[in-house]
């Protein structure tokens, strides 16, 4: 993956949220809060991290996800991870 597209990463994160937690894709925006609005918990966050690790082939450190609150935060973390790997 050469240039990492935030749009592509968002689509993958959205698809993961739909697949893992049976959420409506129309409800998932960059601004939506994972815990308050999507009603995810810490176990769900771990499931999401594992899914993203499998998707990207990169190890995600737990501390990188501690500050994640919104879908935008997840997208930014994944983009940063993929950019560092190049």
PDB file of N, CA and C in Angstrom:
ATOM      1  N   UNK A   1       0.857  -1.176   0.000  1.00  0.00           N
ATOM      2  CA  UNK A   1       0.000   0.000   0.000  1.00  0.00           C
ATOM      3  C   UNK A   1       0.900   1.236   0.000  1.00  0.00           C
ATOM      4  N   UNK A   2       0.899   1.966  -1.054  1.00  0.00           N
ATOM      5  CA  UNK A   2       1.783   3.119  -1.140  1.00  0.00           C
ATOM      6  C   UNK A   2       1.190   4.301  -0.371  1.00  0.00           C
ATOM      7  N   UNK A   3       0.443   5.144  -1.029  1.00  0.00           N
ATOM      8  CA  UNK A   3      -0.176   6.288  -0.359  1.00  0.00           C
ATOM      9  C   UNK A   3      -1.424   5.816   0.380  1.00  0.00           C
ATOM     10  N   UNK A   4      -1.440   6.049   1.672  1.00  0.00           N
ATOM     11  CA  UNK A   4      -2.561   5.601   2.489  1.00  0.00           C
ATOM     12  C   UNK A   4      -3.694   6.607   2.363  1.00  0.00           C
ATOM     13  N   UNK A   5      -4.834   6.117   1.944  1.00  0.00           N
ATOM     14  CA  UNK A   5      -6.002   6.972   1.777  1.00  0.00           C
ATOM     15  C   UNK A   5      -6.873   6.911   3.020  1.00  0.00           C
ATOM     16  N   UNK A   6      -7.130   8.083   3.611  1.00  0.00           N
ATOM     17  CA  UNK A   6      -7.999   8.123   4.793  1.00  0.00           C
ATOM     18  C   UNK A   6      -9.399   7.624   4.450  1.00  0.00           C
ATOM     19  N   UNK A   7      -9.827   7.864   3.219  1.00  0.00           N
ATOM     20  CA  UNK A   7     -11.152   7.393   2.799  1.00  0.00           C
ATOM     21  C   UNK A   7     -11.189   5.867   2.809  1.00  0.00           C
ATOM     22  N   UNK A   8     -10.142   5.245   2.273  1.00  0.00           N
ATOM     23  CA  UNK A   8     -10.086   3.780   2.256  1.00  0.00           C
ATOM     24  C   UNK A   8     -10.035   3.220   3.671  1.00  0.00           C
ATOM     25  N   UNK A   9      -9.254   3.851   4.525  1.00  0.00           N
ATOM     26  CA  UNK A   9      -9.146   3.384   5.911  1.00  0.00           C
ATOM     27  C   UNK A   9     -10.493   3.546   6.606  1.00  0.00           C
ATOM     28  N   UNK A  10     -11.164   4.677   6.394  1.00  0.00           N
ATOM     29  CA  UNK A  10     -12.490   4.878   6.995  1.00  0.00           C
ATOM     30  C   UNK A  10     -13.449   3.779   6.546  1.00  0.00           C
ATOM     31  N   UNK A  11     -13.427   3.464   5.251  1.00  0.00           N
ATOM     32  CA  UNK A  11     -14.321   2.424   4.735  1.00  0.00           C
ATOM     33  C   UNK A  11     -14.028   1.080   5.395  1.00  0.00           C
ATOM     34  N   UNK A  12     -12.750   0.780   5.602  1.00  0.00           N
ATOM     35  CA  UNK A  12     -12.382  -0.489   6.242  1.00  0.00           C
ATOM     36  C   UNK A  12     -12.808  -0.505   7.712  1.00  0.00           C
ATOM     37  N   UNK A  13     -12.626   0.622   8.400  1.00  0.00           N
ATOM     38  CA  UNK A  13     -13.033   0.714   9.802  1.00  0.00           C
ATOM     39  C   UNK A  13     -14.554   0.605   9.899  1.00  0.00           C
ATOM     40  N   UNK A  14     -15.255   1.310   9.011  1.00  0.00           N
ATOM     41  CA  UNK A  14     -16.727   1.251   9.004  1.00  0.00           C
ATOM     42  C   UNK A  14     -17.188  -0.186   8.752  1.00  0.00           C
ATOM     43  N   UNK A  15     -16.583  -0.841   7.757  1.00  0.00           N
ATOM     44  CA  UNK A  15     -16.947  -2.223   7.451  1.00  0.00           C
ATOM     45  C   UNK A  15     -16.676  -3.146   8.643  1.00  0.00           C
ATOM     46  N   UNK A  16     -15.577  -2.895   9.349  1.00  0.00           N
ATOM     47  CA  UNK A  16     -15.249  -3.702  10.531  1.00  0.00           C
ATOM     48  C   UNK A  16     -16.298  -3.506  11.618  1.00  0.00           C
ATOM     49  N   UNK A  17     -16.714  -2.269  11.843  1.00  0.00           N
ATOM     50  CA  UNK A  17     -17.729  -1.987  12.866  1.00  0.00           C
ATOM     51  C   UNK A  17     -19.060  -2.649  12.506  1.00  0.00           C
ATOM     52  N   UNK A  18     -19.396  -2.623  11.223  1.00  0.00           N
ATOM     53  CA  UNK A  18     -20.643  -3.252  10.762  1.00  0.00           C
ATOM     54  C   UNK A  18     -20.555  -4.768  10.960  1.00  0.00           C
ATOM     55  N   UNK A  19     -19.431  -5.341  10.531  1.00  0.00           N
ATOM     56  CA  UNK A  19     -19.250  -6.794  10.601  1.00  0.00           C
ATOM     57  C   UNK A  19     -19.174  -7.295  12.042  1.00  0.00           C
ATOM     58  N   UNK A  20     -18.386  -6.615  12.870  1.00  0.00           N
ATOM     59  CA  UNK A  20     -18.152  -7.086  14.237  1.00  0.00           C
ATOM     60  C   UNK A  20     -19.320  -6.824  15.177  1.00  0.00           C
ATOM     61  N   UNK A  21     -19.969  -5.675  15.004  1.00  0.00           N
ATOM     62  CA  UNK A  21     -20.953  -5.249  16.006  1.00  0.00           C
ATOM     63  C   UNK A  21     -22.357  -5.049  15.448  1.00  0.00           C
ATOM     64  N   UNK A  22     -22.558  -5.465  14.185  1.00  0.00           N
ATOM     65  CA  UNK A  22     -23.873  -5.388  13.548  1.00  0.00           C
ATOM     66  C   UNK A  22     -24.474  -3.987  13.606  1.00  0.00           C
ATOM     67  N   UNK A  23     -23.623  -2.991  13.345  1.00  0.00           N
ATOM     68  CA  UNK A  23     -24.079  -1.607  13.326  1.00  0.00           C
ATOM     69  C   UNK A  23     -24.558  -1.243  11.929  1.00  0.00           C
ATOM     70  N   UNK A  24     -25.377  -0.234  11.848  1.00  0.00           N
ATOM     71  CA  UNK A  24     -25.871   0.257  10.562  1.00  0.00           C
ATOM     72  C   UNK A  24     -24.794   1.149   9.946  1.00  0.00           C
ATOM     73  N   UNK A  25     -24.339   0.824   8.728  1.00  0.00           N
ATOM     74  CA  UNK A  25     -23.278   1.635   8.106  1.00  0.00           C
ATOM     75  C   UNK A  25     -23.651   3.114   8.009  1.00  0.00           C
ATOM     76  N   UNK A  26     -24.924   3.410   7.881  1.00  0.00           N
ATOM     77  CA  UNK A  26     -25.373   4.805   7.771  1.00  0.00           C
ATOM     78  C   UNK A  26     -25.142   5.574   9.073  1.00  0.00           C
ATOM     79  N   UNK A  27     -25.038   4.860  10.186  1.00  0.00           N
ATOM     80  CA  UNK A  27     -24.827   5.503  11.489  1.00  0.00           C
ATOM     81  C   UNK A  27     -23.360   5.847  11.746  1.00  0.00           C
ATOM     82  N   UNK A  28     -22.468   5.284  10.957  1.00  0.00           N
ATOM     83  CA  UNK A  28     -21.040   5.423  11.234  1.00  0.00           C
ATOM     84  C   UNK A  28     -20.450   6.587  10.438  1.00  0.00           C
ATOM     85  N   UNK A  29     -20.092   7.630  11.184  1.00  0.00           N
ATOM     86  CA  UNK A  29     -19.450   8.804  10.592  1.00  0.00           C
ATOM     87  C   UNK A  29     -18.112   9.004  11.291  1.00  0.00           C
ATOM     88  N   UNK A  30     -17.290   9.884  10.748  1.00  0.00           N
ATOM     89  CA  UNK A  30     -15.992  10.150  11.368  1.00  0.00           C
ATOM     90  C   UNK A  30     -16.147  10.760  12.755  1.00  0.00           C
ATOM     91  N   UNK A  31     -17.224  11.523  12.957  1.00  0.00           N
ATOM     92  CA  UNK A  31     -17.393  12.268  14.211  1.00  0.00           C
ATOM     93  C   UNK A  31     -18.030  11.442  15.321  1.00  0.00           C
ATOM     94  N   UNK A  32     -18.584  10.290  14.993  1.00  0.00           N
ATOM     95  CA  UNK A  32     -19.350   9.534  15.985  1.00  0.00           C
ATOM     96  C   UNK A  32     -18.428   8.957  17.065  1.00  0.00           C
ATOM     97  N   UNK A  33     -18.904   8.992  18.304  1.00  0.00           N
ATOM     98  CA  UNK A  33     -18.135   8.478  19.442  1.00  0.00           C
ATOM     99  C   UNK A  33     -18.366   6.983  19.594  1.00  0.00           C
ATOM    100  N   UNK A  34     -17.271   6.251  19.718  1.00  0.00           N
ATOM    101  CA  UNK A  34     -17.342   4.794  19.797  1.00  0.00           C
ATOM    102  C   UNK A  34     -18.089   4.318  21.036  1.00  0.00           C
ATOM    103  N   UNK A  35     -17.798   4.942  22.171  1.00  0.00           N
ATOM    104  CA  UNK A  35     -18.339   4.430  23.430  1.00  0.00           C
ATOM    105  C   UNK A  35     -19.725   4.988  23.735  1.00  0.00           C
ATOM    106  N   UNK A  36     -19.893   6.315  23.627  1.00  0.00           N
ATOM    107  CA  UNK A  36     -21.192   6.901  23.966  1.00  0.00           C
ATOM    108  C   UNK A  36     -22.247   6.626  22.901  1.00  0.00           C
ATOM    109  N   UNK A  37     -21.909   6.889  21.647  1.00  0.00           N
ATOM    110  CA  UNK A  37     -22.928   6.827  20.593  1.00  0.00           C
ATOM    111  C   UNK A  37     -23.089   5.440  19.961  1.00  0.00           C
ATOM    112  N   UNK A  38     -21.988   4.718  19.803  1.00  0.00           N
ATOM    113  CA  UNK A  38     -22.086   3.379  19.216  1.00  0.00           C
ATOM    114  C   UNK A  38     -22.213   2.300  20.290  1.00  0.00           C
ATOM    115  N   UNK A  39     -22.083   2.722  21.541  1.00  0.00           N
ATOM    116  CA  UNK A  39     -22.296   1.829  22.676  1.00  0.00           C
ATOM    117  C   UNK A  39     -21.305   0.666  22.713  1.00  0.00           C
ATOM    118  N   UNK A  40     -20.072   0.931  22.295  1.00  0.00           N
ATOM    119  CA  UNK A  40     -19.033  -0.092  22.379  1.00  0.00           C
ATOM    120  C   UNK A  40     -18.424  -0.056  23.777  1.00  0.00           C
ATOM    121  N   UNK A  41     -17.839  -1.159  24.195  1.00  0.00           N
ATOM    122  CA  UNK A  41     -17.143  -1.190  25.477  1.00  0.00           C
ATOM    123  C   UNK A  41     -15.685  -1.586  25.243  1.00  0.00           C
ATOM    124  N   UNK A  42     -14.937  -1.746  26.318  1.00  0.00           N
ATOM    125  CA  UNK A  42     -13.506  -2.023  26.173  1.00  0.00           C
ATOM    126  C   UNK A  42     -13.244  -3.366  25.485  1.00  0.00           C
ATOM    127  N   UNK A  43     -14.105  -4.342  25.699  1.00  0.00           N
ATOM    128  CA  UNK A  43     -13.960  -5.641  25.030  1.00  0.00           C
ATOM    129  C   UNK A  43     -14.159  -5.459  23.524  1.00  0.00           C
ATOM    130  N   UNK A  44     -15.156  -4.653  23.152  1.00  0.00           N
ATOM    131  CA  UNK A  44     -15.404  -4.363  21.735  1.00  0.00           C
ATOM    132  C   UNK A  44     -14.191  -3.666  21.119  1.00  0.00           C
ATOM    133  N   UNK A  45     -13.581  -2.763  21.877  1.00  0.00           N
ATOM    134  CA  UNK A  45     -12.403  -2.042  21.378  1.00  0.00           C
ATOM    135  C   UNK A  45     -11.268  -3.022  21.097  1.00  0.00           C
ATOM    136  N   UNK A  46     -11.088  -3.999  21.970  1.00  0.00           N
ATOM    137  CA  UNK A  46     -10.054  -5.025  21.759  1.00  0.00           C
ATOM    138  C   UNK A  46     -10.365  -5.822  20.486  1.00  0.00           C
ATOM    139  N   UNK A  47     -11.633  -6.195  20.313  1.00  0.00           N
ATOM    140  CA  UNK A  47     -12.032  -6.921  19.100  1.00  0.00           C
ATOM    141  C   UNK A  47     -11.726  -6.101  17.849  1.00  0.00           C
ATOM    142  N   UNK A  48     -11.994  -4.798  17.923  1.00  0.00           N
ATOM    143  CA  UNK A  48     -11.731  -3.911  16.786  1.00  0.00           C
ATOM    144  C   UNK A  48     -10.230  -3.842  16.504  1.00  0.00           C
ATOM    145  N   UNK A  49      -9.419  -3.716  17.543  1.00  0.00           N
ATOM    146  CA  UNK A  49      -7.961  -3.661  17.377  1.00  0.00           C
ATOM    147  C   UNK A  49      -7.450  -4.949  16.738  1.00  0.00           C
ATOM    148  N   UNK A  50      -7.924  -6.093  17.212  1.00  0.00           N
ATOM    149  CA  UNK A  50      -7.501  -7.385  16.646  1.00  0.00           C
ATOM    150  C   UNK A  50      -7.885  -7.461  15.166  1.00  0.00           C
ATOM    151  N   UNK A  51      -9.102  -7.024  14.853  1.00  0.00           N
ATOM    152  CA  UNK A  51      -9.559  -7.035  13.462  1.00  0.00           C
ATOM    153  C   UNK A  51      -8.670  -6.131  12.600  1.00  0.00           C
ATOM    154  N   UNK A  52      -8.358  -4.938  13.100  1.00  0.00           N
ATOM    155  CA  UNK A  52      -7.521  -4.000  12.342  1.00  0.00           C
ATOM    156  C   UNK A  52      -6.099  -4.524  12.192  1.00  0.00           C
ATOM    157  N   UNK A  53      -5.593  -5.213  13.205  1.00  0.00           N
ATOM    158  CA  UNK A  53      -4.262  -5.820  13.100  1.00  0.00           C
ATOM    159  C   UNK A  53      -4.250  -6.866  11.995  1.00  0.00           C
ATOM    160  N   UNK A  54      -5.292  -7.684  11.945  1.00  0.00           N
ATOM    161  CA  UNK A  54      -5.385  -8.704  10.903  1.00  0.00           C
ATOM    162  C   UNK A  54      -5.502  -8.059   9.527  1.00  0.00           C
ATOM    163  N   UNK A  55      -6.232  -6.982   9.453  1.00  0.00           N
ATOM    164  CA  UNK A  55      -6.461  -6.281   8.193  1.00  0.00           C
ATOM    165  C   UNK A  55      -5.179  -5.629   7.672  1.00  0.00           C
ATOM    166  N   UNK A  56      -4.438  -5.001   8.592  1.00  0.00           N
ATOM    167  CA  UNK A  56      -3.257  -4.245   8.179  1.00  0.00           C
ATOM    168  C   UNK A  56      -1.979  -5.059   8.229  1.00  0.00           C
ATOM    169  N   UNK A  57      -1.995  -6.155   8.992  1.00  0.00           N
ATOM    170  CA  UNK A  57      -0.773  -6.927   9.183  1.00  0.00           C
ATOM    171  C   UNK A  57       0.215  -6.226  10.093  1.00  0.00           C
ATOM    172  N   UNK A  58      -0.243  -5.194  10.809  1.00  0.00           N
ATOM    173  CA  UNK A  58       0.619  -4.414  11.703  1.00  0.00           C
ATOM    174  C   UNK A  58       0.190  -4.632  13.146  1.00  0.00           C
ATOM    175  N   UNK A  59       1.168  -4.587  14.036  1.00  0.00           N
ATOM    176  CA  UNK A  59       0.884  -4.700  15.468  1.00  0.00           C
ATOM    177  C   UNK A  59       0.446  -3.335  15.988  1.00  0.00           C
ATOM    178  N   UNK A  60      -0.679  -3.315  16.660  1.00  0.00           N
ATOM    179  CA  UNK A  60      -1.186  -2.073  17.242  1.00  0.00           C
ATOM    180  C   UNK A  60      -0.963  -2.143  18.741  1.00  0.00           C
ATOM    181  N   UNK A  61      -0.224  -1.166  19.264  1.00  0.00           N
ATOM    182  CA  UNK A  61       0.040  -1.143  20.706  1.00  0.00           C
ATOM    183  C   UNK A  61      -1.192  -0.630  21.436  1.00  0.00           C
ATOM    184  N   UNK A  62      -1.549  -1.260  22.541  1.00  0.00           N
ATOM    185  CA  UNK A  62      -2.747  -0.848  23.290  1.00  0.00           C
ATOM    186  C   UNK A  62      -2.736   0.636  23.661  1.00  0.00           C
ATOM    187  N   UNK A  63      -1.558   1.177  24.008  1.00  0.00           N
ATOM    188  CA  UNK A  63      -1.510   2.588  24.408  1.00  0.00           C
ATOM    189  C   UNK A  63      -1.870   3.524  23.254  1.00  0.00           C
ATOM    190  N   UNK A  64      -1.678   3.055  22.021  1.00  0.00           N
ATOM    191  CA  UNK A  64      -2.046   3.873  20.865  1.00  0.00           C
ATOM    192  C   UNK A  64      -3.561   4.022  20.756  1.00  0.00           C
ATOM    193  N   UNK A  65      -4.285   3.099  21.356  1.00  0.00           N
ATOM    194  CA  UNK A  65      -5.743   3.143  21.253  1.00  0.00           C
ATOM    195  C   UNK A  65      -6.411   3.678  22.520  1.00  0.00           C
ATOM    196  N   UNK A  66      -5.621   3.986  23.549  1.00  0.00           N
ATOM    197  CA  UNK A  66      -6.220   4.492  24.789  1.00  0.00           C
ATOM    198  C   UNK A  66      -6.906   5.837  24.601  1.00  0.00           C
ATOM    199  N   UNK A  67      -6.366   6.679  23.730  1.00  0.00           N
ATOM    200  CA  UNK A  67      -6.931   8.020  23.541  1.00  0.00           C
ATOM    201  C   UNK A  67      -8.011   8.049  22.454  1.00  0.00           C
ATOM    202  N   UNK A  68      -8.268   6.926  21.833  1.00  0.00           N
ATOM    203  CA  UNK A  68      -9.262   6.856  20.757  1.00  0.00           C
ATOM    204  C   UNK A  68     -10.671   7.021  21.323  1.00  0.00           C
ATOM    205  N   UNK A  69     -11.404   7.974  20.765  1.00  0.00           N
ATOM    206  CA  UNK A  69     -12.779   8.220  21.205  1.00  0.00           C
ATOM    207  C   UNK A  69     -13.777   8.181  20.050  1.00  0.00           C
ATOM    208  N   UNK A  70     -13.321   8.592  18.875  1.00  0.00           N
ATOM    209  CA  UNK A  70     -14.218   8.674  17.721  1.00  0.00           C
ATOM    210  C   UNK A  70     -13.709   7.788  16.587  1.00  0.00           C
ATOM    211  N   UNK A  71     -14.540   7.595  15.589  1.00  0.00           N
ATOM    212  CA  UNK A  71     -14.127   6.847  14.399  1.00  0.00           C
ATOM    213  C   UNK A  71     -12.945   7.568  13.735  1.00  0.00           C
ATOM    214  N   UNK A  72     -12.967   8.904  13.726  1.00  0.00           N
ATOM    215  CA  UNK A  72     -11.849   9.680  13.161  1.00  0.00           C
ATOM    216  C   UNK A  72     -10.538   9.321  13.866  1.00  0.00           C
ATOM    217  N   UNK A  73     -10.577   9.179  15.189  1.00  0.00           N
ATOM    218  CA  UNK A  73      -9.372   8.803  15.946  1.00  0.00           C
ATOM    219  C   UNK A  73      -8.851   7.437  15.498  1.00  0.00           C
ATOM    220  N   UNK A  74      -9.756   6.504  15.257  1.00  0.00           N
ATOM    221  CA  UNK A  74      -9.364   5.161  14.799  1.00  0.00           C
ATOM    222  C   UNK A  74      -8.707   5.265  13.426  1.00  0.00           C
ATOM    223  N   UNK A  75      -9.337   6.008  12.520  1.00  0.00           N
ATOM    224  CA  UNK A  75      -8.804   6.185  11.165  1.00  0.00           C
ATOM    225  C   UNK A  75      -7.417   6.810  11.228  1.00  0.00           C
ATOM    226  N   UNK A  76      -7.260   7.872  12.021  1.00  0.00           N
ATOM    227  CA  UNK A  76      -5.957   8.541  12.139  1.00  0.00           C
ATOM    228  C   UNK A  76      -4.892   7.593  12.685  1.00  0.00           C
ATOM    229  N   UNK A  77      -5.256   6.786  13.674  1.00  0.00           N
ATOM    230  CA  UNK A  77      -4.299   5.827  14.248  1.00  0.00           C
ATOM    231  C   UNK A  77      -3.841   4.808  13.216  1.00  0.00           C
ATOM    232  N   UNK A  78      -4.785   4.293  12.436  1.00  0.00           N
ATOM    233  CA  UNK A  78      -4.452   3.292  11.411  1.00  0.00           C
ATOM    234  C   UNK A  78      -3.608   3.932  10.308  1.00  0.00           C
ATOM    235  N   UNK A  79      -3.967   5.133   9.873  1.00  0.00           N
ATOM    236  CA  UNK A  79      -3.188   5.835   8.839  1.00  0.00           C
ATOM    237  C   UNK A  79      -1.757   6.066   9.327  1.00  0.00           C
ATOM    238  N   UNK A  80      -1.606   6.517  10.582  1.00  0.00           N
ATOM    239  CA  UNK A  80      -0.273   6.737  11.149  1.00  0.00           C
ATOM    240  C   UNK A  80       0.520   5.439  11.193  1.00  0.00           C
ATOM    241  N   UNK A  81      -0.123   4.385  11.597  1.00  0.00           N
ATOM    242  CA  UNK A  81       0.512   3.068  11.675  1.00  0.00           C
ATOM    243  C   UNK A  81       1.016   2.625  10.304  1.00  0.00           C
ATOM    244  N   UNK A  82       0.160   2.779   9.300  1.00  0.00           N
ATOM    245  CA  UNK A  82       0.522   2.355   7.944  1.00  0.00           C
ATOM    246  C   UNK A  82       1.602   3.265   7.361  1.00  0.00           C
ATOM    247  N   UNK A  83       1.571   4.539   7.698  1.00  0.00           N
ATOM    248  CA  UNK A  83       2.579   5.485   7.195  1.00  0.00           C
ATOM    249  C   UNK A  83       3.958   5.182   7.786  1.00  0.00           C
ATOM    250  N   UNK A  84       3.984   4.847   9.077  1.00  0.00           N
ATOM    251  CA  UNK A  84       5.247   4.513   9.745  1.00  0.00           C
ATOM    252  C   UNK A  84       5.879   3.271   9.132  1.00  0.00           C
ATOM    253  N   UNK A  85       5.060   2.379   8.655  1.00  0.00           N
ATOM    254  CA  UNK A  85       5.543   1.086   8.163  1.00  0.00           C
ATOM    255  C   UNK A  85       6.202   1.193   6.795  1.00  0.00           C
ATOM    256  N   UNK A  86       6.025   2.314   6.131  1.00  0.00           N
ATOM    257  CA  UNK A  86       6.553   2.425   4.759  1.00  0.00           C
ATOM    258  C   UNK A  86       8.017   2.762   4.736  1.00  0.00           C
TER     259      UNK A  86
END
